[in-house]
Amino acid sequence: QGGAQQGGGQGGQGGGGGGGMPTILQRLPLQLAPAHALDAIARSRLAVMEVMRAEFEAKAKEESRRAAVKAAMEHAWGNYRRHAWGHDEIKPVSGGRSDGMYMAVTMIDSLDTLLIMGMREEFDACVEGIRENWSLD
């Protein structure tokens, strides 16, 4: 059994007779024909594409959820600004306002959320509103 039958050695495909790196086909087991190798590569690529598609869909779903959460915050914050600015909270059903603590707690509690959500103008307005209307004295 010469080396050429198993794809190694000097003869065979692409060996070049110089002892260089064997080609991919030379490294495949003898019983694996090139058609099977191509089929395995195709299955592998298909699996990679399936993973990429799943990741793309997951990212799109995540972005959609983020947009929905931000839209809800913008809606709630807009109503607070219109109906209860400077007060503790807005009453969600009546649209009235409540002052149990008289400390503009919604404004203070919302600062980090506004900043994290990228609502910088609203954050700045909130900081200014707190400066103008709230004191620890």
N, C-alpha and C. Protein backbone atom coordinates (compact mmCIF):
# COMPACT_ATOMS: atom_id res chain seq x y z
N GLN A 1 0.85 -1.18 0.00
CA GLN A 1 0.00 0.00 0.00
C GLN A 1 0.89 1.24 0.00
N GLY A 2 0.91 1.88 -1.11
CA GLY A 2 1.74 3.08 -1.24
C GLY A 2 1.06 4.28 -0.61
N GLY A 3 1.85 5.28 -0.37
CA GLY A 3 1.34 6.49 0.25
C GLY A 3 0.37 7.23 -0.63
N ALA A 4 0.43 7.06 -1.96
CA ALA A 4 -0.43 7.81 -2.87
C ALA A 4 -1.88 7.39 -2.72
N GLN A 5 -2.17 6.17 -2.33
CA GLN A 5 -3.55 5.72 -2.20
C GLN A 5 -4.23 6.40 -1.03
N GLN A 6 -3.52 6.73 -0.02
CA GLN A 6 -4.12 7.35 1.15
C GLN A 6 -4.04 8.86 1.11
N GLY A 7 -3.58 9.40 0.04
CA GLY A 7 -3.55 10.84 -0.10
C GLY A 7 -2.33 11.49 0.51
N GLY A 8 -1.39 10.74 1.04
CA GLY A 8 -0.18 11.35 1.60
C GLY A 8 0.98 11.08 0.69
N GLY A 9 2.13 11.38 1.11
CA GLY A 9 3.34 11.06 0.33
C GLY A 9 3.54 12.02 -0.81
N GLN A 10 4.37 11.58 -1.76
CA GLN A 10 4.78 12.47 -2.82
C GLN A 10 3.84 12.48 -4.00
N GLY A 11 3.22 11.35 -4.33
CA GLY A 11 2.33 11.32 -5.48
C GLY A 11 1.03 11.99 -5.13
N GLY A 12 -0.06 11.58 -5.66
CA GLY A 12 -1.39 12.03 -5.24
C GLY A 12 -1.68 13.47 -5.60
N GLN A 13 -2.76 13.94 -5.06
CA GLN A 13 -3.28 15.25 -5.43
C GLN A 13 -2.59 16.35 -4.66
N GLY A 14 -1.98 17.23 -5.36
CA GLY A 14 -1.44 18.44 -4.77
C GLY A 14 -0.30 18.22 -3.79
N GLY A 15 0.25 17.03 -3.73
CA GLY A 15 1.34 16.78 -2.79
C GLY A 15 2.58 17.54 -3.18
N GLY A 16 2.78 17.70 -4.45
CA GLY A 16 3.90 18.47 -4.95
C GLY A 16 5.24 17.80 -4.75
N GLY A 17 5.27 16.68 -4.07
CA GLY A 17 6.51 15.94 -3.91
C GLY A 17 7.50 16.62 -2.99
N GLY A 18 7.14 17.74 -2.36
CA GLY A 18 8.12 18.46 -1.57
C GLY A 18 7.89 18.36 -0.08
N GLY A 19 6.95 17.58 0.38
CA GLY A 19 6.71 17.45 1.81
C GLY A 19 6.03 18.66 2.41
N GLY A 20 5.31 19.48 1.59
CA GLY A 20 4.60 20.65 2.11
C GLY A 20 3.33 20.24 2.83
N MET A 21 2.51 21.22 3.20
CA MET A 21 1.25 20.97 3.89
C MET A 21 0.31 20.18 2.99
N PRO A 22 -0.32 19.13 3.50
CA PRO A 22 -1.28 18.38 2.69
C PRO A 22 -2.53 19.22 2.45
N THR A 23 -3.17 19.01 1.33
CA THR A 23 -4.41 19.73 1.03
C THR A 23 -5.53 19.19 1.89
N ILE A 24 -6.64 19.90 1.93
CA ILE A 24 -7.77 19.46 2.75
C ILE A 24 -8.26 18.09 2.33
N LEU A 25 -8.26 17.82 1.04
CA LEU A 25 -8.72 16.52 0.57
C LEU A 25 -7.76 15.41 0.98
N GLN A 26 -6.47 15.71 1.07
CA GLN A 26 -5.51 14.72 1.51
C GLN A 26 -5.65 14.41 3.00
N ARG A 27 -6.17 15.36 3.77
CA ARG A 27 -6.33 15.15 5.20
C ARG A 27 -7.63 14.42 5.54
N LEU A 28 -8.56 14.35 4.59
CA LEU A 28 -9.83 13.68 4.85
C LEU A 28 -9.62 12.17 4.94
N PRO A 29 -10.41 11.49 5.75
CA PRO A 29 -10.31 10.02 5.79
C PRO A 29 -10.58 9.44 4.41
N LEU A 30 -9.94 8.33 4.11
CA LEU A 30 -10.05 7.70 2.80
C LEU A 30 -11.48 7.42 2.41
N GLN A 31 -12.33 6.99 3.37
CA GLN A 31 -13.69 6.62 3.03
C GLN A 31 -14.58 7.84 2.76
N LEU A 32 -14.14 9.06 3.07
CA LEU A 32 -14.94 10.26 2.85
C LEU A 32 -14.62 10.80 1.47
N ALA A 33 -15.56 10.66 0.57
CA ALA A 33 -15.37 11.13 -0.81
C ALA A 33 -15.54 12.64 -0.86
N PRO A 34 -14.98 13.27 -1.88
CA PRO A 34 -15.12 14.73 -2.01
C PRO A 34 -16.59 15.20 -2.00
N ALA A 35 -17.51 14.43 -2.57
CA ALA A 35 -18.91 14.83 -2.56
C ALA A 35 -19.44 14.92 -1.14
N HIS A 36 -19.04 14.00 -0.29
CA HIS A 36 -19.44 14.04 1.11
C HIS A 36 -18.83 15.23 1.82
N ALA A 37 -17.60 15.55 1.45
CA ALA A 37 -16.93 16.70 2.06
C ALA A 37 -17.68 17.98 1.73
N LEU A 38 -18.07 18.13 0.48
CA LEU A 38 -18.82 19.31 0.07
C LEU A 38 -20.18 19.37 0.77
N ASP A 39 -20.81 18.22 0.92
CA ASP A 39 -22.09 18.17 1.61
C ASP A 39 -21.92 18.58 3.08
N ALA A 40 -20.85 18.12 3.71
CA ALA A 40 -20.59 18.49 5.10
C ALA A 40 -20.34 19.99 5.23
N ILE A 41 -19.59 20.53 4.27
CA ILE A 41 -19.34 21.98 4.28
C ILE A 41 -20.64 22.74 4.10
N ALA A 42 -21.48 22.29 3.18
CA ALA A 42 -22.77 22.95 2.94
C ALA A 42 -23.64 22.90 4.20
N ARG A 43 -23.69 21.75 4.86
CA ARG A 43 -24.48 21.64 6.10
C ARG A 43 -23.93 22.57 7.18
N SER A 44 -22.62 22.65 7.25
CA SER A 44 -21.98 23.51 8.24
C SER A 44 -22.32 24.98 7.98
N ARG A 45 -22.23 25.40 6.74
CA ARG A 45 -22.57 26.78 6.39
C ARG A 45 -24.04 27.06 6.66
N LEU A 46 -24.90 26.11 6.35
CA LEU A 46 -26.33 26.27 6.62
C LEU A 46 -26.58 26.43 8.11
N ALA A 47 -25.87 25.65 8.91
CA ALA A 47 -26.02 25.76 10.37
C ALA A 47 -25.56 27.13 10.85
N VAL A 48 -24.46 27.63 10.31
CA VAL A 48 -23.96 28.96 10.69
C VAL A 48 -24.96 30.03 10.29
N MET A 49 -25.52 29.91 9.09
CA MET A 49 -26.51 30.89 8.63
C MET A 49 -27.75 30.85 9.52
N GLU A 50 -28.14 29.69 9.96
CA GLU A 50 -29.31 29.55 10.84
C GLU A 50 -29.04 30.25 12.18
N VAL A 51 -27.86 30.09 12.72
CA VAL A 51 -27.49 30.77 13.96
C VAL A 51 -27.49 32.28 13.75
N MET A 52 -26.94 32.74 12.64
CA MET A 52 -26.91 34.17 12.35
C MET A 52 -28.33 34.72 12.21
N ARG A 53 -29.21 33.99 11.56
CA ARG A 53 -30.60 34.42 11.40
C ARG A 53 -31.28 34.53 12.76
N ALA A 54 -31.06 33.53 13.61
CA ALA A 54 -31.66 33.53 14.95
C ALA A 54 -31.15 34.72 15.76
N GLU A 55 -29.85 35.00 15.67
CA GLU A 55 -29.28 36.14 16.38
C GLU A 55 -29.85 37.45 15.86
N PHE A 56 -30.02 37.57 14.55
CA PHE A 56 -30.60 38.78 13.95
C PHE A 56 -32.03 38.97 14.44
N GLU A 57 -32.82 37.89 14.44
CA GLU A 57 -34.20 37.98 14.90
C GLU A 57 -34.27 38.34 16.38
N ALA A 58 -33.37 37.78 17.19
CA ALA A 58 -33.34 38.09 18.62
C ALA A 58 -32.99 39.56 18.83
N LYS A 59 -32.04 40.06 18.05
CA LYS A 59 -31.66 41.47 18.18
C LYS A 59 -32.80 42.39 17.75
N ALA A 60 -33.50 42.02 16.68
CA ALA A 60 -34.63 42.82 16.23
C ALA A 60 -35.74 42.83 17.28
N LYS A 61 -35.97 41.69 17.92
CA LYS A 61 -36.98 41.60 18.97
C LYS A 61 -36.57 42.46 20.17
N GLU A 62 -35.29 42.40 20.52
CA GLU A 62 -34.78 43.21 21.63
C GLU A 62 -34.93 44.70 21.34
N GLU A 63 -34.59 45.12 20.12
CA GLU A 63 -34.72 46.52 19.74
C GLU A 63 -36.19 46.96 19.77
N SER A 64 -37.08 46.08 19.34
CA SER A 64 -38.50 46.37 19.36
C SER A 64 -38.99 46.56 20.80
N ARG A 65 -38.52 45.70 21.69
CA ARG A 65 -38.90 45.83 23.10
C ARG A 65 -38.36 47.12 23.70
N ARG A 66 -37.11 47.45 23.38
CA ARG A 66 -36.52 48.69 23.89
C ARG A 66 -37.34 49.90 23.43
N ALA A 67 -37.71 49.89 22.16
CA ALA A 67 -38.50 51.00 21.62
C ALA A 67 -39.85 51.10 22.32
N ALA A 68 -40.48 49.97 22.60
CA ALA A 68 -41.77 49.97 23.28
C ALA A 68 -41.64 50.50 24.71
N VAL A 69 -40.59 50.10 25.41
CA VAL A 69 -40.37 50.57 26.78
C VAL A 69 -40.11 52.07 26.79
N LYS A 70 -39.29 52.54 25.84
CA LYS A 70 -39.00 53.98 25.78
C LYS A 70 -40.26 54.76 25.43
N ALA A 71 -41.07 54.25 24.51
CA ALA A 71 -42.32 54.93 24.15
C ALA A 71 -43.26 55.02 25.36
N ALA A 72 -43.31 53.96 26.16
CA ALA A 72 -44.13 53.98 27.37
C ALA A 72 -43.62 55.03 28.36
N MET A 73 -42.29 55.12 28.52
CA MET A 73 -41.71 56.11 29.42
C MET A 73 -41.99 57.52 28.91
N GLU A 74 -41.85 57.73 27.62
CA GLU A 74 -42.13 59.05 27.05
C GLU A 74 -43.59 59.44 27.26
N HIS A 75 -44.49 58.48 27.10
CA HIS A 75 -45.92 58.73 27.33
C HIS A 75 -46.17 59.11 28.79
N ALA A 76 -45.65 58.30 29.71
CA ALA A 76 -45.86 58.55 31.14
C ALA A 76 -45.23 59.87 31.56
N TRP A 77 -44.01 60.12 31.10
CA TRP A 77 -43.31 61.35 31.47
C TRP A 77 -44.03 62.58 30.91
N GLY A 78 -44.50 62.48 29.68
CA GLY A 78 -45.24 63.59 29.07
C GLY A 78 -46.50 63.93 29.86
N ASN A 79 -47.20 62.92 30.31
CA ASN A 79 -48.40 63.16 31.13
C ASN A 79 -48.03 63.76 32.48
N TYR A 80 -46.96 63.30 33.08
CA TYR A 80 -46.51 63.89 34.34
C TYR A 80 -46.18 65.38 34.14
N ARG A 81 -45.47 65.68 33.06
CA ARG A 81 -45.10 67.08 32.78
C ARG A 81 -46.33 67.95 32.58
N ARG A 82 -47.32 67.44 31.86
CA ARG A 82 -48.52 68.23 31.57
C ARG A 82 -49.44 68.40 32.78
N HIS A 83 -49.56 67.36 33.58
CA HIS A 83 -50.60 67.36 34.61
C HIS A 83 -50.10 67.44 36.05
N ALA A 84 -48.84 67.12 36.31
CA ALA A 84 -48.41 67.04 37.71
C ALA A 84 -46.99 67.56 37.94
N TRP A 85 -46.47 68.37 37.04
CA TRP A 85 -45.09 68.84 37.14
C TRP A 85 -44.84 69.48 38.50
N GLY A 86 -43.79 69.03 39.16
CA GLY A 86 -43.40 69.58 40.45
C GLY A 86 -44.12 68.94 41.63
N HIS A 87 -45.07 68.09 41.37
CA HIS A 87 -45.80 67.41 42.44
C HIS A 87 -45.25 65.99 42.60
N ASP A 88 -45.69 65.33 43.66
CA ASP A 88 -45.17 63.99 43.94
C ASP A 88 -45.49 62.99 42.83
N GLU A 89 -46.73 62.95 42.40
CA GLU A 89 -47.10 61.94 41.39
C GLU A 89 -48.35 62.36 40.64
N ILE A 90 -48.56 61.70 39.52
CA ILE A 90 -49.78 61.87 38.75
C ILE A 90 -50.71 60.72 39.07
N LYS A 91 -52.00 61.02 39.13
CA LYS A 91 -53.00 59.97 39.32
C LYS A 91 -53.35 59.45 37.91
N PRO A 92 -53.05 58.19 37.64
CA PRO A 92 -53.15 57.69 36.26
C PRO A 92 -54.56 57.68 35.67
N VAL A 93 -55.58 57.50 36.47
CA VAL A 93 -56.93 57.44 35.92
C VAL A 93 -57.51 58.83 35.73
N SER A 94 -57.44 59.66 36.78
CA SER A 94 -58.06 60.99 36.71
C SER A 94 -57.16 62.02 36.03
N GLY A 95 -55.86 61.77 36.01
CA GLY A 95 -54.93 62.77 35.48
C GLY A 95 -54.63 63.86 36.49
N GLY A 96 -55.14 63.69 37.70
CA GLY A 96 -54.86 64.66 38.75
C GLY A 96 -53.48 64.44 39.32
N ARG A 97 -53.21 65.14 40.41
CA ARG A 97 -51.89 65.01 41.03
C ARG A 97 -52.04 64.77 42.52
N SER A 98 -50.97 64.24 43.08
CA SER A 98 -50.97 63.90 44.49
C SER A 98 -49.69 64.40 45.12
N ASP A 99 -49.81 64.87 46.37
CA ASP A 99 -48.64 65.36 47.10
C ASP A 99 -48.63 64.79 48.51
N GLY A 100 -48.32 63.52 48.63
CA GLY A 100 -48.24 62.92 49.95
C GLY A 100 -47.00 63.33 50.70
N MET A 101 -45.92 63.60 49.99
CA MET A 101 -44.66 63.94 50.65
C MET A 101 -44.23 65.38 50.36
N TYR A 102 -44.81 66.03 49.39
CA TYR A 102 -44.47 67.40 48.99
C TYR A 102 -42.98 67.53 48.67
N MET A 103 -42.47 66.55 47.92
CA MET A 103 -41.04 66.55 47.59
C MET A 103 -40.77 66.29 46.10
N ALA A 104 -41.79 66.35 45.28
CA ALA A 104 -41.62 66.08 43.84
C ALA A 104 -40.91 64.73 43.63
N VAL A 105 -41.40 63.71 44.32
CA VAL A 105 -40.70 62.42 44.30
C VAL A 105 -40.60 61.81 42.90
N THR A 106 -41.58 62.04 42.05
CA THR A 106 -41.49 61.51 40.68
C THR A 106 -40.32 62.13 39.94
N MET A 107 -40.12 63.41 40.13
CA MET A 107 -38.99 64.08 39.46
C MET A 107 -37.66 63.48 39.94
N ILE A 108 -37.53 63.33 41.23
CA ILE A 108 -36.27 62.81 41.79
C ILE A 108 -36.07 61.35 41.39
N ASP A 109 -37.13 60.57 41.49
CA ASP A 109 -37.04 59.15 41.18
C ASP A 109 -36.79 58.89 39.69
N SER A 110 -37.18 59.82 38.84
CA SER A 110 -37.07 59.61 37.38
C SER A 110 -35.73 60.02 36.81
N LEU A 111 -34.89 60.70 37.57
CA LEU A 111 -33.63 61.21 37.02
C LEU A 111 -32.79 60.13 36.36
N ASP A 112 -32.53 59.04 37.06
CA ASP A 112 -31.67 58.00 36.49
C ASP A 112 -32.33 57.34 35.28
N THR A 113 -33.63 57.12 35.34
CA THR A 113 -34.33 56.50 34.21
C THR A 113 -34.25 57.38 32.97
N LEU A 114 -34.49 58.67 33.14
CA LEU A 114 -34.41 59.60 32.01
C LEU A 114 -33.02 59.58 31.38
N LEU A 115 -32.00 59.57 32.21
CA LEU A 115 -30.63 59.57 31.70
C LEU A 115 -30.29 58.26 31.00
N ILE A 116 -30.64 57.14 31.61
CA ILE A 116 -30.35 55.83 31.01
C ILE A 116 -31.06 55.67 29.67
N MET A 117 -32.27 56.18 29.56
CA MET A 117 -33.05 56.02 28.33
C MET A 117 -32.68 57.04 27.25
N GLY A 118 -31.70 57.89 27.54
CA GLY A 118 -31.25 58.84 26.54
C GLY A 118 -32.19 60.03 26.37
N MET A 119 -33.01 60.29 27.36
CA MET A 119 -33.96 61.40 27.31
C MET A 119 -33.32 62.62 27.98
N ARG A 120 -32.26 63.11 27.36
CA ARG A 120 -31.41 64.15 27.96
C ARG A 120 -32.15 65.47 28.15
N GLU A 121 -32.96 65.88 27.20
CA GLU A 121 -33.69 67.14 27.35
C GLU A 121 -34.64 67.08 28.54
N GLU A 122 -35.33 65.94 28.67
CA GLU A 122 -36.24 65.76 29.80
C GLU A 122 -35.47 65.72 31.12
N PHE A 123 -34.31 65.06 31.10
CA PHE A 123 -33.45 65.02 32.29
C PHE A 123 -33.03 66.42 32.70
N ASP A 124 -32.56 67.21 31.74
CA ASP A 124 -32.12 68.58 32.04
C ASP A 124 -33.27 69.42 32.58
N ALA A 125 -34.46 69.29 31.98
CA ALA A 125 -35.62 70.03 32.47
C ALA A 125 -35.99 69.61 33.89
N CYS A 126 -35.87 68.34 34.17
CA CYS A 126 -36.16 67.82 35.50
C CYS A 126 -35.17 68.37 36.53
N VAL A 127 -33.90 68.37 36.20
CA VAL A 127 -32.88 68.92 37.10
C VAL A 127 -33.17 70.39 37.36
N GLU A 128 -33.48 71.13 36.33
CA GLU A 128 -33.79 72.55 36.49
C GLU A 128 -35.04 72.74 37.34
N GLY A 129 -36.06 71.91 37.12
CA GLY A 129 -37.28 71.99 37.93
C GLY A 129 -37.01 71.71 39.39
N ILE A 130 -36.13 70.75 39.66
CA ILE A 130 -35.77 70.46 41.05
C ILE A 130 -35.01 71.63 41.66
N ARG A 131 -34.09 72.22 40.92
CA ARG A 131 -33.33 73.38 41.42
C ARG A 131 -34.25 74.53 41.78
N GLU A 132 -35.22 74.79 40.90
CA GLU A 132 -36.11 75.92 41.10
C GLU A 132 -37.13 75.72 42.22
N ASN A 133 -37.59 74.49 42.40
CA ASN A 133 -38.76 74.29 43.25
C ASN A 133 -38.54 73.44 44.50
N TRP A 134 -37.35 72.99 44.73
CA TRP A 134 -37.18 72.04 45.84
C TRP A 134 -36.01 72.46 46.69
N SER A 135 -36.18 72.35 47.98
CA SER A 135 -35.12 72.73 48.89
C SER A 135 -35.13 71.79 50.09
N LEU A 136 -33.98 71.56 50.65
CA LEU A 136 -33.88 70.74 51.86
C LEU A 136 -34.07 71.57 53.13
N ASP A 137 -34.23 72.87 52.98
CA ASP A 137 -34.42 73.77 54.13
C ASP A 137 -35.80 73.64 54.72
